[in-house]
C-alpha atoms as a PDB file:
ATOM      1  CA  MET A   1      18.182   5.002   1.834  1.00  0.00           C
ATOM      2  CA  LEU A   2      17.237   8.085   3.266  1.00  0.00           C
ATOM      3  CA  GLU A   3      14.675   7.595   5.803  1.00  0.00           C
ATOM      4  CA  ILE A   4      11.799  10.475   5.993  1.00  0.00           C
ATOM      5  CA  GLN A   5       9.386  10.012   8.872  1.00  0.00           C
ATOM      6  CA  ALA A   6       5.943  11.936   8.655  1.00  0.00           C
ATOM      7  CA  PRO A   7       5.269  14.735   8.850  1.00  0.00           C
ATOM      8  CA  ASN A   8       8.740  16.009   7.377  1.00  0.00           C
ATOM      9  CA  ASP A   9       9.256  17.222   3.855  1.00  0.00           C
ATOM     10  CA  PHE A  10       9.920  14.471   1.296  1.00  0.00           C
ATOM     11  CA  ARG A  11       9.507  16.470  -2.057  1.00  0.00           C
ATOM     12  CA  ASP A  12      13.208  16.661  -2.978  1.00  0.00           C
ATOM     13  CA  SER A  13      14.278  13.455  -1.675  1.00  0.00           C
ATOM     14  CA  PRO A  14      16.146  10.755  -4.042  1.00  0.00           C
ATOM     15  CA  GLN A  15      13.909   8.008  -5.669  1.00  0.00           C
ATOM     16  CA  PRO A  16      13.163   5.746  -5.962  1.00  0.00           C
ATOM     17  CA  ARG A  17      10.239   6.141  -3.032  1.00  0.00           C
ATOM     18  CA  ILE A  18       9.277   3.516  -0.988  1.00  0.00           C
ATOM     19  CA  PHE A  19       6.094   4.214   1.192  1.00  0.00           C
ATOM     20  CA  LEU A  20       5.876   1.794   4.272  1.00  0.00           C
ATOM     21  CA  ALA A  21       2.282   1.185   4.323  1.00  0.00           C
ATOM     22  CA  GLY A  22       0.414  -1.283   6.912  1.00  0.00           C
ATOM     23  CA  SER A  23       0.041  -1.978  10.280  1.00  0.00           C
ATOM     24  CA  ILE A  24       1.030   0.371  13.061  1.00  0.00           C
ATOM     25  CA  GLU A  25      -1.950   0.383  15.162  1.00  0.00           C
ATOM     26  CA  MET A  26      -0.944   2.564  17.833  1.00  0.00           C
ATOM     27  CA  GLY A  27       2.139   0.510  18.577  1.00  0.00           C
ATOM     28  CA  MET A  28       0.293  -3.118  18.664  1.00  0.00           C
ATOM     29  CA  ALA A  29       1.834  -4.117  15.277  1.00  0.00           C
ATOM     30  CA  THR A  30       5.630  -5.431  15.238  1.00  0.00           C
ATOM     31  CA  ARG A  31       8.179  -2.879  14.079  1.00  0.00           C
ATOM     32  CA  TRP A  32       8.344  -4.298  10.692  1.00  0.00           C
ATOM     33  CA  GLN A  33       9.676  -1.025   9.370  1.00  0.00           C
ATOM     34  CA  ASP A  34      12.596  -1.121  10.989  1.00  0.00           C
ATOM     35  CA  VAL A  35      13.599  -4.517   9.294  1.00  0.00           C
ATOM     36  CA  VAL A  36      12.376  -3.070   6.042  1.00  0.00           C
ATOM     37  CA  ILE A  37      14.661   0.116   6.342  1.00  0.00           C
ATOM     38  CA  ALA A  38      17.860  -1.870   7.636  1.00  0.00           C
ATOM     39  CA  HIS A  39      17.582  -3.963   4.616  1.00  0.00           C
ATOM     40  CA  PHE A  40      17.590  -1.137   2.153  1.00  0.00           C
ATOM     41  CA  LYS A  41      20.043   1.167   4.124  1.00  0.00           C
ATOM     42  CA  GLU A  42      22.988   1.062   1.710  1.00  0.00           C
ATOM     43  CA  LYS A  43      20.601   1.550  -1.486  1.00  0.00           C
ATOM     44  CA  GLU A  44      20.029   4.642  -3.155  1.00  0.00           C
ATOM     45  CA  GLY A  45      16.619   6.177  -2.706  1.00  0.00           C
ATOM     46  CA  THR A  46      14.127   7.033   0.130  1.00  0.00           C
ATOM     47  CA  VAL A  47      11.975   5.191   2.401  1.00  0.00           C
ATOM     48  CA  LEU A  48       8.746   7.213   3.531  1.00  0.00           C
ATOM     49  CA  ASN A  49       7.670   5.837   7.008  1.00  0.00           C
ATOM     50  CA  PRO A  50       4.358   6.959   8.610  1.00  0.00           C
ATOM     51  CA  ARG A  51       5.619   5.821  11.890  1.00  0.00           C
ATOM     52  CA  ARG A  52       6.744   8.890  13.696  1.00  0.00           C
ATOM     53  CA  ASP A  53       8.709   8.990  16.736  1.00  0.00           C
ATOM     54  CA  ASP A  54       6.901  12.040  18.352  1.00  0.00           C
ATOM     55  CA  TRP A  55       3.220  10.289  17.816  1.00  0.00           C
ATOM     56  CA  ASN A  56       1.033  10.955  20.753  1.00  0.00           C
ATOM     57  CA  ALA A  57      -1.990   8.281  21.149  1.00  0.00           C
ATOM     58  CA  SER A  58      -4.015  10.450  22.967  1.00  0.00           C
ATOM     59  CA  TRP A  59      -4.563  12.955  19.747  1.00  0.00           C
ATOM     60  CA  ILE A  60      -7.802  12.999  18.897  1.00  0.00           C
ATOM     61  CA  GLN A  61      -8.282  11.765  15.254  1.00  0.00           C
ATOM     62  CA  SER A  62     -10.562  14.578  13.833  1.00  0.00           C
ATOM     63  CA  ILE A  63     -10.185  16.558  10.973  1.00  0.00           C
ATOM     64  CA  GLU A  64     -10.379  19.783  13.299  1.00  0.00           C
ATOM     65  CA  ASN A  65      -7.034  18.160  15.107  1.00  0.00           C
ATOM     66  CA  PRO A  66      -3.948  19.791  13.521  1.00  0.00           C
ATOM     67  CA  LYS A  67      -1.476  17.502  14.675  1.00  0.00           C
ATOM     68  CA  PHE A  68      -3.763  14.319  12.942  1.00  0.00           C
ATOM     69  CA  TYR A  69      -4.663  16.551  10.011  1.00  0.00           C
ATOM     70  CA  GLU A  70      -1.001  17.002   9.188  1.00  0.00           C
ATOM     71  CA  GLN A  71      -0.324  13.086   9.768  1.00  0.00           C
ATOM     72  CA  VAL A  72      -2.902  11.973   7.528  1.00  0.00           C
ATOM     73  CA  VAL A  73      -2.388  14.445   4.719  1.00  0.00           C
ATOM     74  CA  TRP A  74       1.237  13.736   4.761  1.00  0.00           C
ATOM     75  CA  GLU A  75       0.379   9.838   4.403  1.00  0.00           C
ATOM     76  CA  LEU A  76      -1.757  10.541   1.312  1.00  0.00           C
ATOM     77  CA  ASP A  77       0.808  12.810  -0.582  1.00  0.00           C
ATOM     78  CA  ALA A  78       3.172  10.153   0.318  1.00  0.00           C
ATOM     79  CA  LEU A  79       1.442   7.232  -1.108  1.00  0.00           C
ATOM     80  CA  ASP A  80       0.588   9.469  -4.098  1.00  0.00           C
ATOM     81  CA  SER A  81       4.461  10.316  -5.057  1.00  0.00           C
ATOM     82  CA  CYS A  82       6.141   6.973  -4.268  1.00  0.00           C
ATOM     83  CA  ASP A  83       7.327   4.552  -6.440  1.00  0.00           C
ATOM     84  CA  ILE A  84       6.676   1.557  -4.611  1.00  0.00           C
ATOM     85  CA  ILE A  85       4.306   0.936  -1.941  1.00  0.00           C
ATOM     86  CA  LEU A  86       5.095  -2.176   0.442  1.00  0.00           C
ATOM     87  CA  MET A  87       2.064  -2.907   2.635  1.00  0.00           C
ATOM     88  CA  TYR A  88       2.323  -5.083   5.646  1.00  0.00           C
ATOM     89  CA  PHE A  89      -0.544  -6.670   7.653  1.00  0.00           C
ATOM     90  CA  ASP A  90       0.230  -7.789  11.155  1.00  0.00           C
ATOM     91  CA  PRO A  91      -1.703 -10.455  12.177  1.00  0.00           C
ATOM     92  CA  LYS A  92      -2.107  -9.079  15.605  1.00  0.00           C
ATOM     93  CA  THR A  93      -4.116  -6.144  14.322  1.00  0.00           C
ATOM     94  CA  LYS A  94      -7.230  -5.141  12.645  1.00  0.00           C
ATOM     95  CA  SER A  95      -5.675  -2.245  10.409  1.00  0.00           C
ATOM     96  CA  PRO A  96      -8.601  -0.569   8.884  1.00  0.00           C
ATOM     97  CA  ILE A  97      -6.700   2.218   7.542  1.00  0.00           C
ATOM     98  CA  SER A  98      -4.389  -0.128   5.605  1.00  0.00           C
ATOM     99  CA  LEU A  99      -7.273  -1.810   4.345  1.00  0.00           C
ATOM    100  CA  LEU A 100      -8.373   1.500   3.075  1.00  0.00           C
ATOM    101  CA  GLU A 101      -5.185   2.524   1.739  1.00  0.00           C
ATOM    102  CA  LEU A 102      -4.971  -0.984  -0.086  1.00  0.00           C
ATOM    103  CA  GLY A 103      -8.128  -0.336  -2.120  1.00  0.00           C
ATOM    104  CA  LEU A 104      -6.965   3.424  -2.692  1.00  0.00           C
ATOM    105  CA  HIS A 105      -3.794   2.242  -4.448  1.00  0.00           C
ATOM    106  CA  ALA A 106      -4.611  -1.118  -5.783  1.00  0.00           C
ATOM    107  CA  GLU A 107      -3.684   0.308  -9.290  1.00  0.00           C
ATOM    108  CA  SER A 108      -0.266   1.826  -7.862  1.00  0.00           C
ATOM    109  CA  SER A 109       2.896  -0.193  -7.817  1.00  0.00           C
ATOM    110  CA  ILE A 110       2.145  -2.238  -4.796  1.00  0.00           C
ATOM    111  CA  ILE A 111       3.534  -5.113  -2.942  1.00  0.00           C
ATOM    112  CA  VAL A 112       1.546  -6.807  -0.165  1.00  0.00           C
ATOM    113  CA  CYS A 113       2.693  -8.783   2.554  1.00  0.00           C
ATOM    114  CA  CYS A 114      -0.166 -10.576   4.349  1.00  0.00           C
ATOM    115  CA  PRO A 115       0.695 -13.524   6.587  1.00  0.00           C
ATOM    116  CA  PRO A 116      -1.690 -16.264   7.710  1.00  0.00           C
ATOM    117  CA  GLY A 117      -3.820 -15.131  10.698  1.00  0.00           C
ATOM    118  CA  PHE A 118      -4.415 -11.623   9.390  1.00  0.00           C
ATOM    119  CA  TRP A 119      -8.284 -11.383  10.039  1.00  0.00           C
ATOM    120  CA  ARG A 120      -9.299 -10.160   6.545  1.00  0.00           C
ATOM    121  CA  LYS A 121      -6.392 -12.183   4.451  1.00  0.00           C
ATOM    122  CA  GLY A 122      -9.315 -13.495   2.204  1.00  0.00           C
ATOM    123  CA  ASN A 123     -10.543  -9.986   1.349  1.00  0.00           C
ATOM    124  CA  VAL A 124      -6.505  -8.973   0.766  1.00  0.00           C
ATOM    125  CA  ASP A 125      -5.885 -12.280  -1.452  1.00  0.00           C
ATOM    126  CA  ILE A 126      -9.227 -11.212  -3.578  1.00  0.00           C
ATOM    127  CA  VAL A 127      -8.201  -7.791  -3.986  1.00  0.00           C
ATOM    128  CA  CYS A 128      -4.687  -8.507  -4.904  1.00  0.00           C
ATOM    129  CA  GLU A 129      -5.614 -11.198  -7.343  1.00  0.00           C
ATOM    130  CA  ARG A 130      -7.995  -8.875  -9.129  1.00  0.00           C
ATOM    131  CA  TYR A 131      -5.517  -6.314  -9.538  1.00  0.00           C
ATOM    132  CA  GLN A 132      -2.548  -8.524 -10.066  1.00  0.00           C
ATOM    133  CA  ILE A 133      -0.831  -7.299  -6.835  1.00  0.00           C
ATOM    134  CA  PRO A 134       2.365  -9.480  -5.652  1.00  0.00           C
ATOM    135  CA  VAL A 135       0.899 -10.867  -2.154  1.00  0.00           C
ATOM    136  CA  VAL A 136       3.470 -12.838   0.151  1.00  0.00           C
ATOM    137  CA  SER A 137       3.190 -14.239   3.526  1.00  0.00           C
ATOM    138  CA  ARG A 138       6.616 -13.354   4.625  1.00  0.00           C
ATOM    139  CA  LEU A 139       8.418 -10.011   4.773  1.00  0.00           C
ATOM    140  CA  GLU A 140      11.402 -11.176   3.820  1.00  0.00           C
ATOM    141  CA  ASP A 141       9.902 -12.122   0.374  1.00  0.00           C
ATOM    142  CA  ALA A 142       7.917  -8.689   0.079  1.00  0.00           C
ATOM    143  CA  ILE A 143      11.487  -6.987   0.379  1.00  0.00           C
ATOM    144  CA  TYR A 144      12.628  -9.390  -2.404  1.00  0.00           C
ATOM    145  CA  TRP A 145       9.668  -7.966  -4.582  1.00  0.00           C
ATOM    146  CA  ILE A 146      10.969  -4.660  -3.763  1.00  0.00           C
ATOM    147  CA  GLU A 147      14.259  -5.199  -5.073  1.00  0.00           C
ATOM    148  CA  LYS A 148      12.877  -6.714  -8.218  1.00  0.00           C
ATOM    149  CA  ALA A 149      10.959  -3.514  -8.897  1.00  0.00           C
ATOM    150  CA  MET A 150      13.687  -1.352  -8.135  1.00  0.00           C
ATOM    151  CA  VAL A 151      15.973  -3.170 -11.090  1.00  0.00           C
ATOM    152  CA  VAL A 152      12.988  -2.631 -13.167  1.00  0.00           C
ATOM    153  CA  MET A 153      12.692   1.188 -12.463  1.00  0.00           C
ATOM    154  CA  ARG A 154      16.663   1.613 -13.299  1.00  0.00           C
END
């Protein structure tokens, strides 16, 4: 799979497109995205990765900041255009934006990985139950669900 990081253009990228939503939290989260990217390396399609190499944690998170604005708009556009969303909640984080994205995309093709210990696991589990979203505790199981979804798309 081709990996495209924010804020690069993905509009002509091959499908299926998988968006890696979930915990980043200014670098506090484990680099779970690397595990997913490595697993799908030989598959066809595109991984849309909001984690970017040139992120600067000192950027002011404001609509007036062009770099921050660019990041958020890229993520929203990528979420809207992807075929599958993988959302991972790292127990070491709060991930408020990921929780927001779960609510925004609960009716999309989404797979959630929420290990025990995530501070709002109960809320995540209930939302997933309500919207019939597969929710697993291990990243390996989430990868399995993505592979299953990709087979159905063919």
